[in-house]
Structures are given as C-alpha cells and as structure tokens.
C-alpha cells in the first residue's frame, strides 16, 4: 500500500471535500470518489502532515448521504480537511 501526502483540498460551494491535492505529485488532484476507492481497496493511504509535525490519516466515513473523507487531527468532531488550503 502506497502512502500519499495531502497538502490541499478542493471544496464545493457547500464546503464538502471534492478532491485531495499535493501539487507536485502525478496523482494530484485525486477526486473524492477515487480517493475513497483507493482507501477502501487498500491501494493507497492518504495522510495530512500538520505544522506541529504530526501526521493524520485520512479516513472514509459512511455518512447518511454516502461516503466522505475526513481527519480528526485535533480530536474534535469537525473535519480538519476543511482547514487545508484550496487546490
């Protein structure tokens, strides 16, 4: 399983994550559905490296409206992918 580091995220007008990005990487941008499939299939792990030096795994969550991506870097219930710059 290959590891991919995410530095930015693309969001739609509702603020939902639509893609994961890391500009110099050939896989970037990776659309949400593709990243979910990568994680579910065990093809790739996605991580965010934070300014405090820690990394957090991006997880697939089964929500009421389908699957989505999220991290819980600071142990809150909000999605820290929202805090990444736009790509």
C-alpha atoms as a PDB file:
ATOM      1  CA  UNK A   1       0.000   0.000   0.000  1.00  0.00           C
ATOM      2  CA  UNK A   2       1.475   3.348  -1.053  1.00  0.00           C
ATOM      3  CA  UNK A   3       1.275   6.445   1.111  1.00  0.00           C
ATOM      4  CA  UNK A   4       0.132   9.735  -0.364  1.00  0.00           C
ATOM      5  CA  UNK A   5       0.523  13.026   1.478  1.00  0.00           C
ATOM      6  CA  UNK A   6      -2.166  15.658   1.024  1.00  0.00           C
ATOM      7  CA  UNK A   7      -1.370  19.375   1.287  1.00  0.00           C
ATOM      8  CA  UNK A   8      -4.578  20.922  -0.061  1.00  0.00           C
ATOM      9  CA  UNK A   9      -8.238  20.059  -0.559  1.00  0.00           C
ATOM     10  CA  UNK A  10     -10.854  21.143  -3.061  1.00  0.00           C
ATOM     11  CA  UNK A  11     -14.289  22.008  -1.730  1.00  0.00           C
ATOM     12  CA  UNK A  12     -17.631  22.617  -3.393  1.00  0.00           C
ATOM     13  CA  UNK A  13     -19.948  25.569  -2.692  1.00  0.00           C
ATOM     14  CA  UNK A  14     -21.329  23.733   0.368  1.00  0.00           C
ATOM     15  CA  UNK A  15     -17.816  23.212   1.767  1.00  0.00           C
ATOM     16  CA  UNK A  16     -17.804  19.466   1.062  1.00  0.00           C
ATOM     17  CA  UNK A  17     -14.439  17.959   0.100  1.00  0.00           C
ATOM     18  CA  UNK A  18     -14.397  17.078  -3.617  1.00  0.00           C
ATOM     19  CA  UNK A  19     -10.685  16.354  -4.182  1.00  0.00           C
ATOM     20  CA  UNK A  20      -7.357  15.835  -2.412  1.00  0.00           C
ATOM     21  CA  UNK A  21      -4.236  17.551  -3.735  1.00  0.00           C
ATOM     22  CA  UNK A  22      -0.455  17.704  -3.494  1.00  0.00           C
ATOM     23  CA  UNK A  23       0.679  19.836  -6.443  1.00  0.00           C
ATOM     24  CA  UNK A  24       3.983  18.191  -7.373  1.00  0.00           C
ATOM     25  CA  UNK A  25       2.541  14.654  -7.315  1.00  0.00           C
ATOM     26  CA  UNK A  26       1.355  12.947 -10.518  1.00  0.00           C
ATOM     27  CA  UNK A  27      -1.807  11.654  -8.779  1.00  0.00           C
ATOM     28  CA  UNK A  28      -2.937  15.165  -7.810  1.00  0.00           C
ATOM     29  CA  UNK A  29      -5.689  16.199  -7.824  1.00  0.00           C
ATOM     30  CA  UNK A  30      -7.409  12.984  -6.747  1.00  0.00           C
ATOM     31  CA  UNK A  31     -11.188  13.181  -6.882  1.00  0.00           C
ATOM     32  CA  UNK A  32     -13.076  12.208  -3.734  1.00  0.00           C
ATOM     33  CA  UNK A  33     -14.640   9.066  -5.228  1.00  0.00           C
ATOM     34  CA  UNK A  34     -11.236   7.849  -6.426  1.00  0.00           C
ATOM     35  CA  UNK A  35      -9.579   8.519  -3.059  1.00  0.00           C
ATOM     36  CA  UNK A  36     -12.408   6.698  -1.262  1.00  0.00           C
ATOM     37  CA  UNK A  37     -11.964   3.714  -3.576  1.00  0.00           C
ATOM     38  CA  UNK A  38      -8.159   3.800  -3.032  1.00  0.00           C
ATOM     39  CA  UNK A  39      -8.619   3.700   0.749  1.00  0.00           C
ATOM     40  CA  UNK A  40     -11.415   1.117   0.740  1.00  0.00           C
ATOM     41  CA  UNK A  41      -9.497  -1.164  -1.640  1.00  0.00           C
ATOM     42  CA  UNK A  42      -6.260  -0.795   0.326  1.00  0.00           C
ATOM     43  CA  UNK A  43      -4.430   0.612  -2.701  1.00  0.00           C
ATOM     44  CA  UNK A  44      -3.276   3.847  -1.031  1.00  0.00           C
ATOM     45  CA  UNK A  45      -3.279   5.519   2.367  1.00  0.00           C
ATOM     46  CA  UNK A  46      -3.713   9.289   2.445  1.00  0.00           C
ATOM     47  CA  UNK A  47      -2.221  11.445   5.200  1.00  0.00           C
ATOM     48  CA  UNK A  48      -2.001  15.117   6.104  1.00  0.00           C
ATOM     49  CA  UNK A  49       1.214  16.469   7.649  1.00  0.00           C
ATOM     50  CA  UNK A  50       0.373  19.289  10.061  1.00  0.00           C
ATOM     51  CA  UNK A  51       2.554  22.223  11.140  1.00  0.00           C
ATOM     52  CA  UNK A  52       3.037  20.621  14.567  1.00  0.00           C
ATOM     53  CA  UNK A  53       4.967  17.796  12.862  1.00  0.00           C
ATOM     54  CA  UNK A  54       2.270  15.166  13.305  1.00  0.00           C
ATOM     55  CA  UNK A  55       0.531  13.265  10.534  1.00  0.00           C
ATOM     56  CA  UNK A  56      -3.084  12.229  10.468  1.00  0.00           C
ATOM     57  CA  UNK A  57      -4.609   9.512   8.345  1.00  0.00           C
ATOM     58  CA  UNK A  58      -7.494  10.459   6.097  1.00  0.00           C
ATOM     59  CA  UNK A  59     -10.388   8.092   6.728  1.00  0.00           C
ATOM     60  CA  UNK A  60     -13.522   7.070   4.862  1.00  0.00           C
ATOM     61  CA  UNK A  61     -16.701   7.672   6.837  1.00  0.00           C
ATOM     62  CA  UNK A  62     -20.114   6.219   5.992  1.00  0.00           C
ATOM     63  CA  UNK A  63     -22.460   9.159   6.443  1.00  0.00           C
ATOM     64  CA  UNK A  64     -26.199   9.458   5.979  1.00  0.00           C
ATOM     65  CA  UNK A  65     -25.616  10.878   2.476  1.00  0.00           C
ATOM     66  CA  UNK A  66     -22.931   8.389   1.458  1.00  0.00           C
ATOM     67  CA  UNK A  67     -19.203   8.037   1.989  1.00  0.00           C
ATOM     68  CA  UNK A  68     -16.929  11.003   2.605  1.00  0.00           C
ATOM     69  CA  UNK A  69     -13.338  11.760   3.652  1.00  0.00           C
ATOM     70  CA  UNK A  70     -12.234  13.232   6.968  1.00  0.00           C
ATOM     71  CA  UNK A  71      -9.448  13.584   9.504  1.00  0.00           C
ATOM     72  CA  UNK A  72      -9.613  14.149  13.248  1.00  0.00           C
ATOM     73  CA  UNK A  73      -6.208  15.740  13.867  1.00  0.00           C
ATOM     74  CA  UNK A  74      -7.169  17.671  16.985  1.00  0.00           C
ATOM     75  CA  UNK A  75      -9.601  15.149  18.446  1.00  0.00           C
ATOM     76  CA  UNK A  76     -12.634  17.275  17.618  1.00  0.00           C
ATOM     77  CA  UNK A  77     -15.637  16.162  15.640  1.00  0.00           C
ATOM     78  CA  UNK A  78     -15.039  18.673  12.845  1.00  0.00           C
ATOM     79  CA  UNK A  79     -13.288  17.691   9.634  1.00  0.00           C
ATOM     80  CA  UNK A  80      -9.768  19.111   9.567  1.00  0.00           C
ATOM     81  CA  UNK A  81      -9.534  18.653   5.787  1.00  0.00           C
ATOM     82  CA  UNK A  82     -11.632  21.826   5.698  1.00  0.00           C
ATOM     83  CA  UNK A  83      -8.660  23.704   7.198  1.00  0.00           C
ATOM     84  CA  UNK A  84      -6.341  22.884   4.298  1.00  0.00           C
ATOM     85  CA  UNK A  85      -5.762  25.499   1.575  1.00  0.00           C
ATOM     86  CA  UNK A  86      -7.832  25.155  -1.573  1.00  0.00           C
ATOM     87  CA  UNK A  87      -6.436  23.420  -4.619  1.00  0.00           C
END
